[in-house]
Amino acid sequence: MDLDDDKKDRELKISNSCLYISSSFWNLEIGAVLEDKDGGINFFDYVIRDKYSHRFYVIMQLKTGDKDRLEEISLLSIQSKNVGAHKCYVLSKKEFTKKEKNLADLLLIDKIKSIIYDGQEMIILEDVNIKSAYDNIKSKRRDNSKHHRRDKSKILIDILSLTSQEEGAGITKILYRCNLNYKAALSFIGEMKTNNLIDIFENEFKQKRYKITRQGLKTLEELNRIYKYLNTD
């Protein structure tokens, strides 16, 4: 086998919506947790690592209800960039809707329905009542109200926008701007701090303030673009 043939065999292939992986060239990790360069924690259902280079690919399986699947795809795009993945894939046993396909294409995410590892189909969990990598992040402090789930992306955008001001933002401004109670606001802030989207500091009056990070700025730009798309008929 010459070098060109070897390089060709090492490339991941998709056929009939199935992703083919050979253990001769790739390692497959299930339920992986990756840390980005800013220390944020990112969950993925599968990570595929090239045995002969630093390349790796990430996969997220869609398992939530129809209303959250678009947000899952958006989150995958953001997280894959955070960790420096070479490419990302979204997996679903259920058929992708037209809007899901359009969003995945817009974000350059390949859509698959199965993983074939050394000729054997991986057992893929059904799309119901199973937590995905998305749920590991989104459900940690999730309020049970439908309104909260539906508007979470907009709340994240509002908090990041407020904290992008030169003086940052205090908890009172966040409460009023985002129409949150104190407990819910602290949940959002805690999650965003864990993912290195905001920092906490004290101003000259010893008041606690929240300030967007460099990673937060990139996430805000991405969320604004995605949110605009999701709300365009």
Protein backbone atom coordinates (compact mmCIF):
# COMPACT_ATOMS: atom_id res chain seq x y z
CA MET A 1 0.00 0.00 0.00
CA ASP A 2 1.50 3.38 -0.99
CA LEU A 3 1.29 6.54 1.11
CA ASP A 4 -1.68 7.94 -0.82
CA ASP A 5 -3.69 4.74 -0.29
CA ASP A 6 -2.77 4.70 3.40
CA LYS A 7 -3.90 8.32 3.84
CA LYS A 8 -7.15 7.56 2.03
CA ASP A 9 -7.88 4.58 4.30
CA ARG A 10 -7.30 6.76 7.36
CA GLU A 11 -10.07 9.18 6.38
CA LEU A 12 -13.48 8.66 7.97
CA LYS A 13 -16.14 7.63 5.49
CA ILE A 14 -19.90 8.17 5.47
CA SER A 15 -22.10 5.89 3.38
CA ASN A 16 -25.89 5.66 3.58
CA SER A 17 -25.75 8.00 6.60
CA CYS A 18 -23.46 5.56 8.47
CA LEU A 19 -20.01 6.59 9.75
CA TYR A 20 -17.37 3.89 9.16
CA ILE A 21 -14.42 3.64 11.58
CA SER A 22 -11.47 1.23 11.50
CA SER A 23 -9.63 0.37 14.72
CA SER A 24 -6.45 0.12 12.63
CA PHE A 25 -6.37 3.91 12.45
CA TRP A 26 -8.84 5.20 15.04
CA ASN A 27 -9.68 4.90 18.74
CA LEU A 28 -13.34 5.31 19.72
CA GLU A 29 -14.17 6.75 23.15
CA ILE A 30 -17.71 6.65 24.54
CA GLY A 31 -19.02 9.25 26.98
CA ALA A 32 -15.94 11.49 26.78
CA VAL A 33 -15.29 14.66 28.78
CA LEU A 34 -12.87 17.13 27.17
CA GLU A 35 -11.40 20.29 28.65
CA ASP A 36 -10.96 23.31 26.39
CA LYS A 37 -7.98 25.67 26.46
CA ASP A 38 -9.73 27.96 28.95
CA GLY A 39 -10.48 25.13 31.37
CA GLY A 40 -14.15 24.67 30.43
CA ILE A 41 -15.66 21.18 30.59
CA ASN A 42 -17.29 19.80 27.42
CA PHE A 43 -19.26 16.54 27.18
CA PHE A 44 -19.50 14.38 24.05
CA ASP A 45 -21.23 11.06 23.45
CA TYR A 46 -18.33 9.82 21.29
CA VAL A 47 -14.80 10.99 20.48
CA ILE A 48 -12.81 9.48 17.60
CA ARG A 49 -9.02 9.88 17.83
CA ASP A 50 -6.49 9.39 15.05
CA LYS A 51 -3.83 6.92 16.28
CA TYR A 52 -1.13 8.58 14.20
CA SER A 53 -1.80 12.30 14.67
CA HIS A 54 -3.45 14.77 17.02
CA ARG A 55 -6.66 14.85 14.98
CA PHE A 56 -9.88 14.00 16.73
CA TYR A 57 -13.57 14.15 15.90
CA VAL A 58 -16.59 14.51 18.20
CA ILE A 59 -20.11 13.12 17.99
CA MET A 60 -23.26 14.13 19.84
CA GLN A 61 -26.33 11.92 19.80
CA LEU A 62 -29.71 13.65 19.77
CA LYS A 63 -31.95 12.19 22.46
CA THR A 64 -34.09 15.07 23.69
CA GLY A 65 -37.55 16.20 22.64
CA ASP A 66 -38.19 17.86 19.32
CA LYS A 67 -38.07 21.37 20.78
CA ASP A 68 -34.52 20.93 22.09
CA ARG A 69 -32.91 19.15 19.13
CA LEU A 70 -32.03 22.39 17.33
CA GLU A 71 -30.40 23.71 20.49
CA GLU A 72 -28.43 20.46 20.82
CA ILE A 73 -27.03 20.92 17.31
CA SER A 74 -26.11 24.53 18.13
CA LEU A 75 -24.36 23.47 21.32
CA LEU A 76 -22.37 20.82 19.46
CA SER A 77 -21.03 23.45 17.06
CA ILE A 78 -19.89 25.67 19.93
CA GLN A 79 -18.34 22.90 22.02
CA SER A 80 -16.48 21.28 19.12
CA LYS A 81 -14.80 24.62 18.38
CA ASN A 82 -14.01 25.10 22.08
CA VAL A 83 -12.02 21.85 22.24
CA GLY A 84 -10.40 22.18 18.80
CA ALA A 85 -12.07 19.16 17.17
CA HIS A 86 -11.16 18.55 13.53
CA LYS A 87 -14.83 17.95 12.72
CA CYS A 88 -18.11 17.13 14.45
CA TYR A 89 -21.02 14.84 13.70
CA VAL A 90 -24.60 14.77 14.96
CA LEU A 91 -26.20 11.34 15.33
CA SER A 92 -29.89 10.46 15.45
CA LYS A 93 -31.86 7.27 14.93
CA LYS A 94 -34.87 9.49 14.31
CA GLU A 95 -35.15 11.23 10.96
CA PHE A 96 -33.75 14.75 10.86
CA THR A 97 -36.31 17.47 10.15
CA LYS A 98 -35.78 19.95 7.33
CA LYS A 99 -34.82 22.69 9.79
CA GLU A 100 -32.42 20.37 11.61
CA LYS A 101 -30.77 19.48 8.30
CA ASN A 102 -30.51 23.14 7.31
CA LEU A 103 -28.97 24.14 10.64
CA ALA A 104 -26.46 21.27 10.58
CA ASP A 105 -25.47 22.21 7.01
CA LEU A 106 -25.11 25.86 8.03
CA LEU A 107 -22.78 24.89 10.88
CA LEU A 108 -20.85 22.37 8.71
CA ILE A 109 -21.94 19.41 10.85
CA ASP A 110 -22.32 16.01 9.18
CA LYS A 111 -25.50 14.07 9.97
CA ILE A 112 -25.32 10.32 10.67
CA LYS A 113 -27.73 7.64 11.87
CA SER A 114 -25.25 4.95 12.92
CA ILE A 115 -21.59 4.17 13.66
CA ILE A 116 -19.95 1.14 12.05
CA TYR A 117 -16.80 0.16 13.98
CA ASP A 118 -14.67 -2.58 12.36
CA GLY A 119 -17.68 -3.71 10.36
CA GLN A 120 -19.98 -3.96 13.39
CA GLU A 121 -22.77 -1.49 14.08
CA MET A 122 -22.42 0.24 17.42
CA ILE A 123 -25.43 -0.13 19.71
CA ILE A 124 -27.01 3.31 19.60
CA LEU A 125 -29.32 4.25 22.44
CA GLU A 126 -32.90 5.05 21.52
CA ASP A 127 -33.90 8.71 21.32
CA VAL A 128 -36.05 8.66 24.46
CA ASN A 129 -35.45 8.91 28.21
CA ILE A 130 -31.65 8.65 27.85
CA LYS A 131 -29.37 11.50 28.84
CA SER A 132 -27.05 12.71 26.13
CA ALA A 133 -23.91 14.82 26.39
CA TYR A 134 -26.18 17.80 25.84
CA ASP A 135 -28.23 16.86 28.91
CA ASN A 136 -25.11 16.57 31.06
CA ILE A 137 -24.69 20.32 30.68
CA LYS A 138 -28.22 21.58 30.14
CA SER A 139 -29.98 19.63 32.89
CA LYS A 140 -27.53 20.20 35.75
CA ARG A 141 -29.42 23.23 36.96
CA ARG A 142 -32.40 23.12 34.64
CA ASP A 143 -35.62 24.64 35.89
CA ASN A 144 -38.56 22.33 35.24
CA SER A 145 -40.72 24.97 33.58
CA LYS A 146 -41.23 24.77 29.81
CA HIS A 147 -40.79 28.51 29.55
CA HIS A 148 -37.31 28.27 31.02
CA ARG A 149 -36.22 25.56 28.58
CA ARG A 150 -37.62 27.41 25.60
CA ASP A 151 -35.90 30.72 26.40
CA LYS A 152 -32.57 29.55 27.79
CA SER A 153 -30.53 30.54 24.74
CA LYS A 154 -31.96 34.07 24.89
CA ILE A 155 -31.20 34.31 28.64
CA LEU A 156 -27.59 33.27 28.00
CA ILE A 157 -27.34 35.93 25.28
CA ASP A 158 -28.78 38.59 27.60
CA ILE A 159 -26.40 37.73 30.47
CA LEU A 160 -23.37 37.62 28.17
CA SER A 161 -24.41 40.95 26.59
CA LEU A 162 -24.79 42.59 30.00
CA THR A 163 -21.43 41.31 31.22
CA SER A 164 -19.70 42.48 28.04
CA GLN A 165 -20.06 46.11 29.21
CA GLU A 166 -16.82 47.71 30.36
CA GLU A 167 -17.89 47.77 34.01
CA GLY A 168 -19.44 44.29 33.85
CA ALA A 169 -22.85 43.68 35.43
CA GLY A 170 -24.19 43.17 38.93
CA ILE A 171 -26.74 40.60 40.02
CA THR A 172 -29.56 43.19 40.25
CA LYS A 173 -29.19 44.23 36.61
CA ILE A 174 -29.15 40.58 35.55
CA LEU A 175 -32.31 39.84 37.57
CA TYR A 176 -34.29 42.67 35.98
CA ARG A 177 -32.95 42.37 32.44
CA CYS A 178 -33.50 38.60 32.25
CA ASN A 179 -36.67 38.47 34.38
CA LEU A 180 -35.16 35.84 36.69
CA ASN A 181 -35.52 35.16 40.37
CA TYR A 182 -32.38 35.17 42.50
CA LYS A 183 -32.01 31.39 42.66
CA ALA A 184 -32.42 30.94 38.89
CA ALA A 185 -29.94 33.76 38.18
CA LEU A 186 -27.32 32.14 40.41
CA SER A 187 -27.85 28.83 38.60
CA PHE A 188 -27.19 30.46 35.23
CA ILE A 189 -24.19 32.39 36.55
CA GLY A 190 -22.75 29.27 38.19
CA GLU A 191 -23.04 27.26 34.97
CA MET A 192 -21.51 30.05 32.91
CA LYS A 193 -18.64 30.47 35.39
CA THR A 194 -17.97 26.70 35.27
CA ASN A 195 -17.74 26.90 31.47
CA ASN A 196 -15.45 29.96 31.59
CA LEU A 197 -17.96 32.25 29.91
CA ILE A 198 -17.86 34.85 32.70
CA ASP A 199 -15.52 35.88 35.52
CA ILE A 200 -16.40 37.30 38.95
CA PHE A 201 -14.63 40.32 40.43
CA GLU A 202 -15.20 43.16 42.89
CA ASN A 203 -15.38 46.80 41.78
CA GLU A 204 -13.93 49.76 43.65
CA PHE A 205 -16.97 49.77 45.95
CA LYS A 206 -16.43 46.11 46.89
CA GLN A 207 -19.53 45.11 44.91
CA LYS A 208 -19.53 41.73 43.18
CA ARG A 209 -19.57 42.09 39.40
CA TYR A 210 -19.68 39.64 36.51
CA LYS A 211 -17.53 40.14 33.41
CA ILE A 212 -17.53 38.26 30.13
CA THR A 213 -14.39 36.28 29.22
CA ARG A 214 -12.72 35.89 25.86
CA GLN A 215 -14.43 32.51 25.52
CA GLY A 216 -17.71 34.17 26.46
CA LEU A 217 -17.31 36.74 23.71
CA LYS A 218 -16.83 34.00 21.11
CA THR A 219 -19.84 32.12 22.50
CA LEU A 220 -21.99 35.27 22.43
CA GLU A 221 -21.16 35.85 18.78
CA GLU A 222 -22.01 32.24 17.96
CA LEU A 223 -25.25 32.23 19.98
CA ASN A 224 -26.42 35.48 18.36
CA ARG A 225 -25.89 33.99 14.91
CA ILE A 226 -27.61 30.72 15.82
CA TYR A 227 -30.49 32.37 17.72
CA LYS A 228 -31.19 34.62 14.75
CA TYR A 229 -31.31 31.58 12.48
CA LEU A 230 -33.55 29.55 14.81
CA ASN A 231 -36.07 32.37 15.00
CA THR A 232 -36.23 33.02 11.28
CA ASP A 233 -39.06 31.22 9.51
